[in-house]
Amino acid sequence: SLHGQSKDALAKTQLGAWEYDVVAPYFKCN
């Protein structure tokens, strides 16, 4: 539901937690 991204925006707000991966070109329906 979030582009195959390994972290959502809330998780990325944690200190030093910007890093993420995209595991597959999925969808956007959050």
ModelCIF file with pLDDT and N, C-alpha, C, O atoms, coordinates in Angstrom:
data_MODEL
#
_entry.id   MODEL 
#
_entity.id                         1 
_entity.type                       polymer 
_entity.pdbx_number_of_molecules   1 
#
_entity_poly.entity_id                      1 
_entity_poly.type                           'polypeptide(L)' 
_entity_poly.nstd_linkage                   no 
_entity_poly.nstd_monomer                   no 
_entity_poly.pdbx_seq_one_letter_code       SLHGQSKDALAKTQLGAWEYDVVAPYFKCN 
_entity_poly.pdbx_seq_one_letter_code_can   SLHGQSKDALAKTQLGAWEYDVVAPYFKCN 
_entity_poly.pdbx_strand_id                 A 
#
loop_
_entity_poly_seq.entity_id 
_entity_poly_seq.num 
_entity_poly_seq.mon_id 
_entity_poly_seq.hetero 
1 1  SER n 
1 2  LEU n 
1 3  HIS n 
1 4  GLY n 
1 5  GLN n 
1 6  SER n 
1 7  LYS n 
1 8  ASP n 
1 9  ALA n 
1 10 LEU n 
1 11 ALA n 
1 12 LYS n 
1 13 THR n 
1 14 GLN n 
1 15 LEU n 
1 16 GLY n 
1 17 ALA n 
1 18 TRP n 
1 19 GLU n 
1 20 TYR n 
1 21 ASP n 
1 22 VAL n 
1 23 VAL n 
1 24 ALA n 
1 25 PRO n 
1 26 TYR n 
1 27 PHE n 
1 28 LYS n 
1 29 CYS n 
1 30 ASN n 
#
_struct_asym.id          A 
_struct_asym.entity_id   1 
#
loop_
_ma_qa_metric.id 
_ma_qa_metric.mode 
_ma_qa_metric.name 
_ma_qa_metric.software_group_id 
_ma_qa_metric.type 
1 global pLDDT . pLDDT 
2 local  pLDDT . pLDDT 
#
_ma_qa_metric_global.metric_id      1 
_ma_qa_metric_global.metric_value   86.70 
_ma_qa_metric_global.model_id       1 
_ma_qa_metric_global.ordinal_id     1 
#
loop_
_ma_qa_metric_local.label_asym_id 
_ma_qa_metric_local.label_comp_id 
_ma_qa_metric_local.label_seq_id 
_ma_qa_metric_local.metric_id 
_ma_qa_metric_local.metric_value 
_ma_qa_metric_local.model_id 
_ma_qa_metric_local.ordinal_id 
A SER 1  2 96.00 1 1  
A LEU 2  2 95.00 1 2  
A HIS 3  2 96.00 1 3  
A GLY 4  2 96.00 1 4  
A GLN 5  2 94.00 1 5  
A SER 6  2 91.00 1 6  
A LYS 7  2 82.00 1 7  
A ASP 8  2 79.00 1 8  
A ALA 9  2 72.00 1 9  
A LEU 10 2 73.00 1 10 
A ALA 11 2 76.00 1 11 
A LYS 12 2 68.00 1 12 
A THR 13 2 70.00 1 13 
A GLN 14 2 74.00 1 14 
A LEU 15 2 69.00 1 15 
A GLY 16 2 73.00 1 16 
A ALA 17 2 77.00 1 17 
A TRP 18 2 83.00 1 18 
A GLU 19 2 88.00 1 19 
A TYR 20 2 91.00 1 20 
A ASP 21 2 94.00 1 21 
A VAL 22 2 96.00 1 22 
A VAL 23 2 95.00 1 23 
A ALA 24 2 96.00 1 24 
A PRO 25 2 97.00 1 25 
A TYR 26 2 97.00 1 26 
A PHE 27 2 97.00 1 27 
A LYS 28 2 96.00 1 28 
A CYS 29 2 95.00 1 29 
A ASN 30 2 95.00 1 30 
#
loop_
_atom_site.group_PDB 
_atom_site.id 
_atom_site.type_symbol 
_atom_site.label_atom_id 
_atom_site.label_alt_id 
_atom_site.label_comp_id 
_atom_site.label_asym_id 
_atom_site.label_entity_id 
_atom_site.label_seq_id 
_atom_site.pdbx_PDB_ins_code 
_atom_site.Cartn_x 
_atom_site.Cartn_y 
_atom_site.Cartn_z 
_atom_site.occupancy 
_atom_site.B_iso_or_equiv 
_atom_site.pdbx_formal_charge 
_atom_site.auth_seq_id 
_atom_site.auth_comp_id 
_atom_site.auth_asym_id 
_atom_site.auth_atom_id 
_atom_site.pdbx_PDB_model_num 
ATOM 1   N N  . SER A 1 1  ? 0.792  -1.224 0.000  1.00 96.00 ? 1  SER A N  1 
ATOM 2   C CA . SER A 1 1  ? 0.000  0.000  0.000  1.00 96.00 ? 1  SER A CA 1 
ATOM 3   C C  . SER A 1 1  ? 0.829  1.280  0.000  1.00 96.00 ? 1  SER A C  1 
ATOM 4   O O  . SER A 1 1  ? 0.264  2.371  -0.078 1.00 96.00 ? 1  SER A O  1 
ATOM 5   N N  . LEU A 1 2  ? 2.163  1.173  0.086  1.00 95.00 ? 2  LEU A N  1 
ATOM 6   C CA . LEU A 1 2  ? 3.000  2.373  0.151  1.00 95.00 ? 2  LEU A CA 1 
ATOM 7   C C  . LEU A 1 2  ? 4.239  2.223  -0.734 1.00 95.00 ? 2  LEU A C  1 
ATOM 8   O O  . LEU A 1 2  ? 5.373  2.332  -0.267 1.00 95.00 ? 2  LEU A O  1 
ATOM 9   N N  . HIS A 1 3  ? 3.994  1.970  -2.023 1.00 96.00 ? 3  HIS A N  1 
ATOM 10  C CA . HIS A 1 3  ? 5.063  1.951  -3.030 1.00 96.00 ? 3  HIS A CA 1 
ATOM 11  C C  . HIS A 1 3  ? 6.107  0.859  -2.807 1.00 96.00 ? 3  HIS A C  1 
ATOM 12  O O  . HIS A 1 3  ? 7.161  0.882  -3.444 1.00 96.00 ? 3  HIS A O  1 
ATOM 13  N N  . GLY A 1 4  ? 5.838  -0.088 -1.924 1.00 96.00 ? 4  GLY A N  1 
ATOM 14  C CA . GLY A 1 4  ? 6.865  -1.086 -1.623 1.00 96.00 ? 4  GLY A CA 1 
ATOM 15  C C  . GLY A 1 4  ? 7.966  -0.547 -0.738 1.00 96.00 ? 4  GLY A C  1 
ATOM 16  O O  . GLY A 1 4  ? 9.017  -1.173 -0.604 1.00 96.00 ? 4  GLY A O  1 
ATOM 17  N N  . GLN A 1 5  ? 7.736  0.624  -0.123 1.00 94.00 ? 5  GLN A N  1 
ATOM 18  C CA . GLN A 1 5  ? 8.743  1.265  0.729  1.00 94.00 ? 5  GLN A CA 1 
ATOM 19  C C  . GLN A 1 5  ? 8.793  0.591  2.090  1.00 94.00 ? 5  GLN A C  1 
ATOM 20  O O  . GLN A 1 5  ? 7.754  0.288  2.676  1.00 94.00 ? 5  GLN A O  1 
ATOM 21  N N  . SER A 1 6  ? 9.983  0.359  2.588  1.00 91.00 ? 6  SER A N  1 
ATOM 22  C CA . SER A 1 6  ? 10.172 -0.415 3.814  1.00 91.00 ? 6  SER A CA 1 
ATOM 23  C C  . SER A 1 6  ? 9.824  0.354  5.082  1.00 91.00 ? 6  SER A C  1 
ATOM 24  O O  . SER A 1 6  ? 9.680  -0.256 6.142  1.00 91.00 ? 6  SER A O  1 
ATOM 25  N N  . LYS A 1 7  ? 9.684  1.692  5.002  1.00 82.00 ? 7  LYS A N  1 
ATOM 26  C CA . LYS A 1 7  ? 9.290  2.504  6.152  1.00 82.00 ? 7  LYS A CA 1 
ATOM 27  C C  . LYS A 1 7  ? 8.246  3.523  5.715  1.00 82.00 ? 7  LYS A C  1 
ATOM 28  O O  . LYS A 1 7  ? 8.341  4.105  4.635  1.00 82.00 ? 7  LYS A O  1 
ATOM 29  N N  . ASP A 1 8  ? 7.231  3.732  6.583  1.00 79.00 ? 8  ASP A N  1 
ATOM 30  C CA . ASP A 1 8  ? 6.287  4.799  6.271  1.00 79.00 ? 8  ASP A CA 1 
ATOM 31  C C  . ASP A 1 8  ? 6.824  6.126  6.798  1.00 79.00 ? 8  ASP A C  1 
ATOM 32  O O  . ASP A 1 8  ? 7.872  6.172  7.443  1.00 79.00 ? 8  ASP A O  1 
ATOM 33  N N  . ALA A 1 9  ? 6.091  7.205  6.516  1.00 72.00 ? 9  ALA A N  1 
ATOM 34  C CA . ALA A 1 9  ? 6.569  8.538  6.887  1.00 72.00 ? 9  ALA A CA 1 
ATOM 35  C C  . ALA A 1 9  ? 6.734  8.686  8.390  1.00 72.00 ? 9  ALA A C  1 
ATOM 36  O O  . ALA A 1 9  ? 7.662  9.352  8.850  1.00 72.00 ? 9  ALA A O  1 
ATOM 37  N N  . LEU A 1 10 ? 5.844  8.070  9.160  1.00 73.00 ? 10 LEU A N  1 
ATOM 38  C CA . LEU A 1 10 ? 5.918  8.174  10.614 1.00 73.00 ? 10 LEU A CA 1 
ATOM 39  C C  . LEU A 1 10 ? 7.192  7.521  11.139 1.00 73.00 ? 10 LEU A C  1 
ATOM 40  O O  . LEU A 1 10 ? 7.872  8.080  12.000 1.00 73.00 ? 10 LEU A O  1 
ATOM 41  N N  . ALA A 1 11 ? 7.512  6.347  10.622 1.00 76.00 ? 11 ALA A N  1 
ATOM 42  C CA . ALA A 1 11 ? 8.720  5.649  11.066 1.00 76.00 ? 11 ALA A CA 1 
ATOM 43  C C  . ALA A 1 11 ? 9.979  6.425  10.705 1.00 76.00 ? 11 ALA A C  1 
ATOM 44  O O  . ALA A 1 11 ? 10.969 6.391  11.436 1.00 76.00 ? 11 ALA A O  1 
ATOM 45  N N  . LYS A 1 12 ? 9.938  7.123  9.575  1.00 68.00 ? 12 LYS A N  1 
ATOM 46  C CA . LYS A 1 12 ? 11.118 7.878  9.116  1.00 68.00 ? 12 LYS A CA 1 
ATOM 47  C C  . LYS A 1 12 ? 11.371 9.148  9.927  1.00 68.00 ? 12 LYS A C  1 
ATOM 48  O O  . LYS A 1 12 ? 12.426 9.769  9.797  1.00 68.00 ? 12 LYS A O  1 
ATOM 49  N N  . THR A 1 13 ? 10.402 9.535  10.767 1.00 70.00 ? 13 THR A N  1 
ATOM 50  C CA . THR A 1 13 ? 10.607 10.752 11.567 1.00 70.00 ? 13 THR A CA 1 
ATOM 51  C C  . THR A 1 13 ? 11.466 10.501 12.800 1.00 70.00 ? 13 THR A C  1 
ATOM 52  O O  . THR A 1 13 ? 11.902 11.445 13.459 1.00 70.00 ? 13 THR A O  1 
ATOM 53  N N  . GLN A 1 14 ? 11.708 9.242  13.111 1.00 74.00 ? 14 GLN A N  1 
ATOM 54  C CA . GLN A 1 14 ? 12.548 8.940  14.268 1.00 74.00 ? 14 GLN A CA 1 
ATOM 55  C C  . GLN A 1 14 ? 13.979 9.402  13.990 1.00 74.00 ? 14 GLN A C  1 
ATOM 56  O O  . GLN A 1 14 ? 14.430 9.380  12.844 1.00 74.00 ? 14 GLN A O  1 
ATOM 57  N N  . LEU A 1 15 ? 14.689 9.817  15.036 1.00 69.00 ? 15 LEU A N  1 
ATOM 58  C CA . LEU A 1 15 ? 16.038 10.349 14.887 1.00 69.00 ? 15 LEU A CA 1 
ATOM 59  C C  . LEU A 1 15 ? 16.942 9.392  14.121 1.00 69.00 ? 15 LEU A C  1 
ATOM 60  O O  . LEU A 1 15 ? 17.108 8.234  14.506 1.00 69.00 ? 15 LEU A O  1 
ATOM 61  N N  . GLY A 1 16 ? 17.519 9.886  13.042 1.00 73.00 ? 16 GLY A N  1 
ATOM 62  C CA . GLY A 1 16 ? 18.467 9.087  12.265 1.00 73.00 ? 16 GLY A CA 1 
ATOM 63  C C  . GLY A 1 16 ? 17.849 7.946  11.498 1.00 73.00 ? 16 GLY A C  1 
ATOM 64  O O  . GLY A 1 16 ? 18.560 7.056  11.032 1.00 73.00 ? 16 GLY A O  1 
ATOM 65  N N  . ALA A 1 17 ? 16.503 7.953  11.354 1.00 77.00 ? 17 ALA A N  1 
ATOM 66  C CA . ALA A 1 17 ? 15.825 6.800  10.757 1.00 77.00 ? 17 ALA A CA 1 
ATOM 67  C C  . ALA A 1 17 ? 15.328 7.078  9.338  1.00 77.00 ? 17 ALA A C  1 
ATOM 68  O O  . ALA A 1 17 ? 14.350 6.477  8.892  1.00 77.00 ? 17 ALA A O  1 
ATOM 69  N N  . TRP A 1 18 ? 16.007 7.996  8.627  1.00 83.00 ? 18 TRP A N  1 
ATOM 70  C CA . TRP A 1 18 ? 15.544 8.354  7.295  1.00 83.00 ? 18 TRP A CA 1 
ATOM 71  C C  . TRP A 1 18 ? 15.722 7.237  6.279  1.00 83.00 ? 18 TRP A C  1 
ATOM 72  O O  . TRP A 1 18 ? 14.957 7.156  5.318  1.00 83.00 ? 18 TRP A O  1 
ATOM 73  N N  . GLU A 1 19 ? 16.714 6.374  6.470  1.00 88.00 ? 19 GLU A N  1 
ATOM 74  C CA . GLU A 1 19 ? 17.085 5.354  5.485  1.00 88.00 ? 19 GLU A CA 1 
ATOM 75  C C  . GLU A 1 19 ? 15.932 4.378  5.246  1.00 88.00 ? 19 GLU A C  1 
ATOM 76  O O  . GLU A 1 19 ? 15.262 3.948  6.184  1.00 88.00 ? 19 GLU A O  1 
ATOM 77  N N  . TYR A 1 20 ? 15.715 4.041  3.984  1.00 91.00 ? 20 TYR A N  1 
ATOM 78  C CA . TYR A 1 20 ? 14.645 3.109  3.636  1.00 91.00 ? 20 TYR A CA 1 
ATOM 79  C C  . TYR A 1 20 ? 15.022 2.357  2.367  1.00 91.00 ? 20 TYR A C  1 
ATOM 80  O O  . TYR A 1 20 ? 15.997 2.692  1.695  1.00 91.00 ? 20 TYR A O  1 
ATOM 81  N N  . ASP A 1 21 ? 14.239 1.345  2.056  1.00 94.00 ? 21 ASP A N  1 
ATOM 82  C CA . ASP A 1 21 ? 14.412 0.600  0.817  1.00 94.00 ? 21 ASP A CA 1 
ATOM 83  C C  . ASP A 1 21 ? 13.051 0.507  0.128  1.00 94.00 ? 21 ASP A C  1 
ATOM 84  O O  . ASP A 1 21 ? 12.011 0.663  0.768  1.00 94.00 ? 21 ASP A O  1 
ATOM 85  N N  . VAL A 1 22 ? 13.067 0.253  -1.168 1.00 96.00 ? 22 VAL A N  1 
ATOM 86  C CA . VAL A 1 22 ? 11.844 -0.047 -1.910 1.00 96.00 ? 22 VAL A CA 1 
ATOM 87  C C  . VAL A 1 22 ? 12.012 -1.455 -2.450 1.00 96.00 ? 22 VAL A C  1 
ATOM 88  O O  . VAL A 1 22 ? 12.851 -1.704 -3.315 1.00 96.00 ? 22 VAL A O  1 
ATOM 89  N N  . VAL A 1 23 ? 11.205 -2.377 -1.932 1.00 95.00 ? 23 VAL A N  1 
ATOM 90  C CA . VAL A 1 23 ? 11.419 -3.794 -2.239 1.00 95.00 ? 23 VAL A CA 1 
ATOM 91  C C  . VAL A 1 23 ? 10.786 -4.206 -3.565 1.00 95.00 ? 23 VAL A C  1 
ATOM 92  O O  . VAL A 1 23 ? 11.188 -5.205 -4.160 1.00 95.00 ? 23 VAL A O  1 
ATOM 93  N N  . ALA A 1 24 ? 9.791  -3.436 -4.032 1.00 96.00 ? 24 ALA A N  1 
ATOM 94  C CA . ALA A 1 24 ? 9.124  -3.720 -5.310 1.00 96.00 ? 24 ALA A CA 1 
ATOM 95  C C  . ALA A 1 24 ? 8.311  -2.493 -5.706 1.00 96.00 ? 24 ALA A C  1 
ATOM 96  O O  . ALA A 1 24 ? 7.938  -1.705 -4.836 1.00 96.00 ? 24 ALA A O  1 
ATOM 97  N N  . PRO A 1 25 ? 8.026  -2.309 -6.989 1.00 97.00 ? 25 PRO A N  1 
ATOM 98  C CA . PRO A 1 25 ? 7.246  -1.149 -7.437 1.00 97.00 ? 25 PRO A CA 1 
ATOM 99  C C  . PRO A 1 25 ? 5.743  -1.385 -7.210 1.00 97.00 ? 25 PRO A C  1 
ATOM 100 O O  . PRO A 1 25 ? 5.000  -1.679 -8.146 1.00 97.00 ? 25 PRO A O  1 
ATOM 101 N N  . TYR A 1 26 ? 5.317  -1.248 -5.954 1.00 97.00 ? 26 TYR A N  1 
ATOM 102 C CA . TYR A 1 26 ? 3.939  -1.547 -5.586 1.00 97.00 ? 26 TYR A CA 1 
ATOM 103 C C  . TYR A 1 26 ? 3.006  -0.342 -5.726 1.00 97.00 ? 26 TYR A C  1 
ATOM 104 O O  . TYR A 1 26 ? 3.187  0.476  -6.628 1.00 97.00 ? 26 TYR A O  1 
ATOM 105 N N  . PHE A 1 27 ? 2.024  -0.229 -4.854 1.00 97.00 ? 27 PHE A N  1 
ATOM 106 C CA . PHE A 1 27 ? 0.900  0.679  -5.035 1.00 97.00 ? 27 PHE A CA 1 
ATOM 107 C C  . PHE A 1 27 ? 0.882  1.761  -3.957 1.00 97.00 ? 27 PHE A C  1 
ATOM 108 O O  . PHE A 1 27 ? 1.684  1.737  -3.024 1.00 97.00 ? 27 PHE A O  1 
ATOM 109 N N  . LYS A 1 28 ? -0.045 2.710  -4.099 1.00 96.00 ? 28 LYS A N  1 
ATOM 110 C CA . LYS A 1 28 ? -0.175 3.807  -3.129 1.00 96.00 ? 28 LYS A CA 1 
ATOM 111 C C  . LYS A 1 28 ? -1.641 3.926  -2.739 1.00 96.00 ? 28 LYS A C  1 
ATOM 112 O O  . LYS A 1 28 ? -2.449 4.466  -3.494 1.00 96.00 ? 28 LYS A O  1 
ATOM 113 N N  . CYS A 1 29 ? -1.983 3.417  -1.553 1.00 95.00 ? 29 CYS A N  1 
ATOM 114 C CA . CYS A 1 29 ? -3.389 3.427  -1.131 1.00 95.00 ? 29 CYS A CA 1 
ATOM 115 C C  . CYS A 1 29 ? -3.516 3.494  0.390  1.00 95.00 ? 29 CYS A C  1 
ATOM 116 O O  . CYS A 1 29 ? -4.449 2.927  0.959  1.00 95.00 ? 29 CYS A O  1 
ATOM 117 N N  . ASN A 1 30 ? -2.588 4.183  1.048  1.00 95.00 ? 30 ASN A N  1 
ATOM 118 C CA . ASN A 1 30 ? -2.614 4.284  2.505  1.00 95.00 ? 30 ASN A CA 1 
ATOM 119 C C  . ASN A 1 30 ? -3.722 5.214  2.984  1.00 95.00 ? 30 ASN A C  1 
ATOM 120 O O  . ASN A 1 30 ? -3.884 5.412  4.188  1.00 95.00 ? 30 ASN A O  1 
#
